[in-house]
Amino acid sequence: MGSRDYAHDKFDHVNQARRQPGSTFKPFVYGAAFEMGIQPNETLMDGPVAIQIDKGGSGARPTSATARPTSR
């Protein structure tokens, strides 16, 4: 199931292939955004972000997996 010709390729793309969960999360992310009042036609800028973890000032600055580490 899922191959061009199962007689030549026994790999079952439906049950054996490993997939990233990307699209599975979209309804949850979009739903949360709509609940926060973000409109579907609103454009958000993709850029560096700092997330405050607690009132003491500790936080996180997530980066892309391909980004080069920066010195602090």
N, C-alpha and C. Protein backbone atom coordinates (compact mmCIF):
# COMPACT_ATOMS: atom_id res chain seq x y z
N MET A 1 0.84 -1.18 0.00
CA MET A 1 0.00 0.00 0.00
C MET A 1 0.89 1.25 0.00
N GLY A 2 0.67 2.13 -0.91
CA GLY A 2 1.38 3.39 -0.92
C GLY A 2 2.58 3.45 -1.85
N SER A 3 3.06 2.30 -2.35
CA SER A 3 4.20 2.30 -3.26
C SER A 3 3.70 2.31 -4.71
N ARG A 4 4.62 2.61 -5.63
CA ARG A 4 4.25 2.58 -7.05
C ARG A 4 3.93 1.16 -7.48
N ASP A 5 4.76 0.23 -7.07
CA ASP A 5 4.55 -1.17 -7.46
C ASP A 5 4.98 -2.04 -6.29
N TYR A 6 4.02 -2.57 -5.57
CA TYR A 6 4.30 -3.35 -4.37
C TYR A 6 5.10 -4.62 -4.69
N ALA A 7 5.00 -5.13 -5.91
CA ALA A 7 5.76 -6.32 -6.30
C ALA A 7 7.26 -6.04 -6.30
N HIS A 8 7.65 -4.78 -6.57
CA HIS A 8 9.07 -4.41 -6.62
C HIS A 8 9.52 -3.68 -5.36
N ASP A 9 8.62 -3.01 -4.69
CA ASP A 9 8.97 -2.22 -3.50
C ASP A 9 8.00 -2.59 -2.38
N LYS A 10 8.47 -3.38 -1.42
CA LYS A 10 7.61 -3.88 -0.35
C LYS A 10 7.46 -2.88 0.81
N PHE A 11 8.05 -1.69 0.66
CA PHE A 11 7.96 -0.69 1.73
C PHE A 11 6.55 -0.10 1.74
N ASP A 12 5.87 -0.21 2.86
CA ASP A 12 4.51 0.31 3.03
C ASP A 12 4.61 1.75 3.54
N HIS A 13 4.41 2.71 2.68
CA HIS A 13 4.55 4.13 3.04
C HIS A 13 3.51 4.58 4.05
N VAL A 14 2.38 3.91 4.12
CA VAL A 14 1.32 4.30 5.05
C VAL A 14 1.66 3.89 6.47
N ASN A 15 2.08 2.65 6.66
CA ASN A 15 2.31 2.14 8.01
C ASN A 15 3.76 2.14 8.45
N GLN A 16 4.72 2.14 7.54
CA GLN A 16 6.12 2.03 7.92
C GLN A 16 6.89 3.34 7.89
N ALA A 17 6.42 4.31 7.14
CA ALA A 17 7.16 5.57 7.01
C ALA A 17 7.04 6.39 8.29
N ARG A 18 8.16 6.98 8.70
CA ARG A 18 8.15 7.88 9.86
C ARG A 18 7.88 9.29 9.35
N ARG A 19 6.98 9.98 10.02
CA ARG A 19 6.62 11.33 9.60
C ARG A 19 6.75 12.31 10.75
N GLN A 20 7.02 13.55 10.38
CA GLN A 20 7.01 14.61 11.37
C GLN A 20 5.55 15.00 11.60
N PRO A 21 5.19 15.41 12.82
CA PRO A 21 3.79 15.69 13.14
C PRO A 21 3.29 17.06 12.69
N GLY A 22 4.08 17.81 11.92
CA GLY A 22 3.76 19.17 11.52
C GLY A 22 2.30 19.55 11.35
N SER A 23 1.63 19.00 10.37
CA SER A 23 0.26 19.41 10.06
C SER A 23 -0.75 18.99 11.13
N THR A 24 -0.39 18.01 11.94
CA THR A 24 -1.28 17.56 13.00
C THR A 24 -1.52 18.67 14.01
N PHE A 25 -0.53 19.54 14.22
CA PHE A 25 -0.63 20.60 15.22
C PHE A 25 -1.37 21.84 14.72
N LYS A 26 -1.51 22.00 13.42
CA LYS A 26 -2.09 23.22 12.86
C LYS A 26 -3.47 23.56 13.42
N PRO A 27 -4.41 22.62 13.51
CA PRO A 27 -5.73 23.00 14.05
C PRO A 27 -5.65 23.54 15.48
N PHE A 28 -4.74 22.99 16.28
CA PHE A 28 -4.60 23.45 17.66
C PHE A 28 -3.97 24.83 17.73
N VAL A 29 -2.95 25.06 16.91
CA VAL A 29 -2.28 26.36 16.90
C VAL A 29 -3.23 27.43 16.37
N TYR A 30 -3.91 27.13 15.26
CA TYR A 30 -4.85 28.10 14.69
C TYR A 30 -6.01 28.35 15.65
N GLY A 31 -6.51 27.30 16.28
CA GLY A 31 -7.62 27.45 17.23
C GLY A 31 -7.23 28.34 18.40
N ALA A 32 -6.03 28.15 18.94
CA ALA A 32 -5.56 28.99 20.05
C ALA A 32 -5.40 30.43 19.59
N ALA A 33 -4.91 30.63 18.38
CA ALA A 33 -4.74 32.00 17.86
C ALA A 33 -6.09 32.68 17.70
N PHE A 34 -7.08 31.96 17.19
CA PHE A 34 -8.42 32.54 17.02
C PHE A 34 -9.03 32.90 18.37
N GLU A 35 -8.81 32.05 19.38
CA GLU A 35 -9.32 32.34 20.73
C GLU A 35 -8.67 33.59 21.31
N MET A 36 -7.43 33.88 20.90
CA MET A 36 -6.72 35.07 21.38
C MET A 36 -7.11 36.32 20.59
N GLY A 37 -7.98 36.15 19.59
CA GLY A 37 -8.45 37.30 18.83
C GLY A 37 -7.67 37.59 17.56
N ILE A 38 -6.74 36.72 17.19
CA ILE A 38 -6.00 36.92 15.96
C ILE A 38 -6.89 36.53 14.79
N GLN A 39 -6.95 37.39 13.79
CA GLN A 39 -7.80 37.17 12.62
C GLN A 39 -7.05 36.35 11.56
N PRO A 40 -7.76 35.57 10.75
CA PRO A 40 -7.11 34.77 9.72
C PRO A 40 -6.34 35.58 8.68
N ASN A 41 -6.72 36.83 8.47
CA ASN A 41 -6.03 37.66 7.47
C ASN A 41 -4.89 38.47 8.07
N GLU A 42 -4.60 38.29 9.35
CA GLU A 42 -3.55 39.04 10.03
C GLU A 42 -2.18 38.44 9.71
N THR A 43 -1.20 39.30 9.44
CA THR A 43 0.16 38.86 9.15
C THR A 43 1.03 39.05 10.38
N LEU A 44 1.76 38.00 10.74
CA LEU A 44 2.68 38.07 11.88
C LEU A 44 4.11 37.99 11.35
N MET A 45 4.99 38.79 11.92
CA MET A 45 6.38 38.79 11.51
C MET A 45 7.12 37.64 12.18
N ASP A 46 7.95 36.95 11.42
CA ASP A 46 8.77 35.88 11.95
C ASP A 46 10.14 36.47 12.28
N GLY A 47 10.46 36.54 13.55
CA GLY A 47 11.72 37.10 13.96
C GLY A 47 12.10 36.62 15.34
N PRO A 48 13.23 37.07 15.85
CA PRO A 48 13.68 36.66 17.17
C PRO A 48 12.64 37.00 18.24
N VAL A 49 12.51 36.14 19.23
CA VAL A 49 11.55 36.35 20.30
C VAL A 49 12.19 35.97 21.64
N ALA A 50 11.80 36.68 22.68
CA ALA A 50 12.23 36.36 24.04
C ALA A 50 10.98 36.03 24.85
N ILE A 51 10.98 34.89 25.50
CA ILE A 51 9.83 34.45 26.28
C ILE A 51 10.19 34.51 27.76
N GLN A 52 9.46 35.33 28.51
CA GLN A 52 9.72 35.44 29.95
C GLN A 52 9.10 34.23 30.65
N ILE A 53 9.93 33.52 31.41
CA ILE A 53 9.48 32.31 32.08
C ILE A 53 8.87 32.62 33.45
N ASP A 54 9.51 33.50 34.19
CA ASP A 54 8.98 33.85 35.50
C ASP A 54 9.21 35.34 35.78
N LYS A 55 8.68 35.81 36.90
CA LYS A 55 8.80 37.24 37.23
C LYS A 55 10.22 37.64 37.57
N GLY A 56 11.07 36.68 37.89
CA GLY A 56 12.46 36.96 38.24
C GLY A 56 13.32 37.34 37.06
N GLY A 57 12.78 37.23 35.88
CA GLY A 57 13.52 37.66 34.70
C GLY A 57 14.15 36.55 33.89
N SER A 58 14.10 35.31 34.39
CA SER A 58 14.69 34.25 33.57
C SER A 58 13.79 34.04 32.37
N GLY A 59 14.41 33.70 31.27
CA GLY A 59 13.62 33.55 30.06
C GLY A 59 14.28 32.65 29.05
N ALA A 60 13.65 32.53 27.91
CA ALA A 60 14.16 31.69 26.84
C ALA A 60 14.18 32.50 25.55
N ARG A 61 15.19 32.24 24.75
CA ARG A 61 15.32 32.86 23.43
C ARG A 61 15.51 31.74 22.41
N PRO A 62 14.40 31.14 21.95
CA PRO A 62 14.52 30.04 21.00
C PRO A 62 15.12 30.50 19.68
N THR A 63 15.88 29.61 19.05
CA THR A 63 16.49 29.92 17.76
C THR A 63 16.18 28.78 16.79
N SER A 64 16.43 29.03 15.55
CA SER A 64 16.27 28.02 14.53
C SER A 64 17.31 26.93 14.72
N ALA A 65 16.96 25.72 14.34
CA ALA A 65 17.92 24.61 14.46
C ALA A 65 19.11 24.82 13.54
N THR A 66 18.95 25.62 12.50
CA THR A 66 20.05 25.87 11.56
C THR A 66 20.83 27.14 11.89
N ALA A 67 20.36 27.88 12.90
CA ALA A 67 21.04 29.13 13.25
C ALA A 67 22.37 28.83 13.93
N ARG A 68 23.33 29.66 13.65
CA ARG A 68 24.63 29.51 14.30
C ARG A 68 24.56 30.08 15.71
N PRO A 69 25.20 29.42 16.68
CA PRO A 69 25.19 29.94 18.04
C PRO A 69 25.84 31.32 18.11
N THR A 70 25.29 32.18 18.94
CA THR A 70 25.87 33.51 19.13
C THR A 70 26.55 33.57 20.47
N SER A 71 27.60 34.36 20.56
CA SER A 71 28.28 34.51 21.86
C SER A 71 27.48 35.47 22.72
N ARG A 72 27.49 35.23 24.00
CA ARG A 72 26.72 36.07 24.93
C ARG A 72 27.64 36.93 25.73
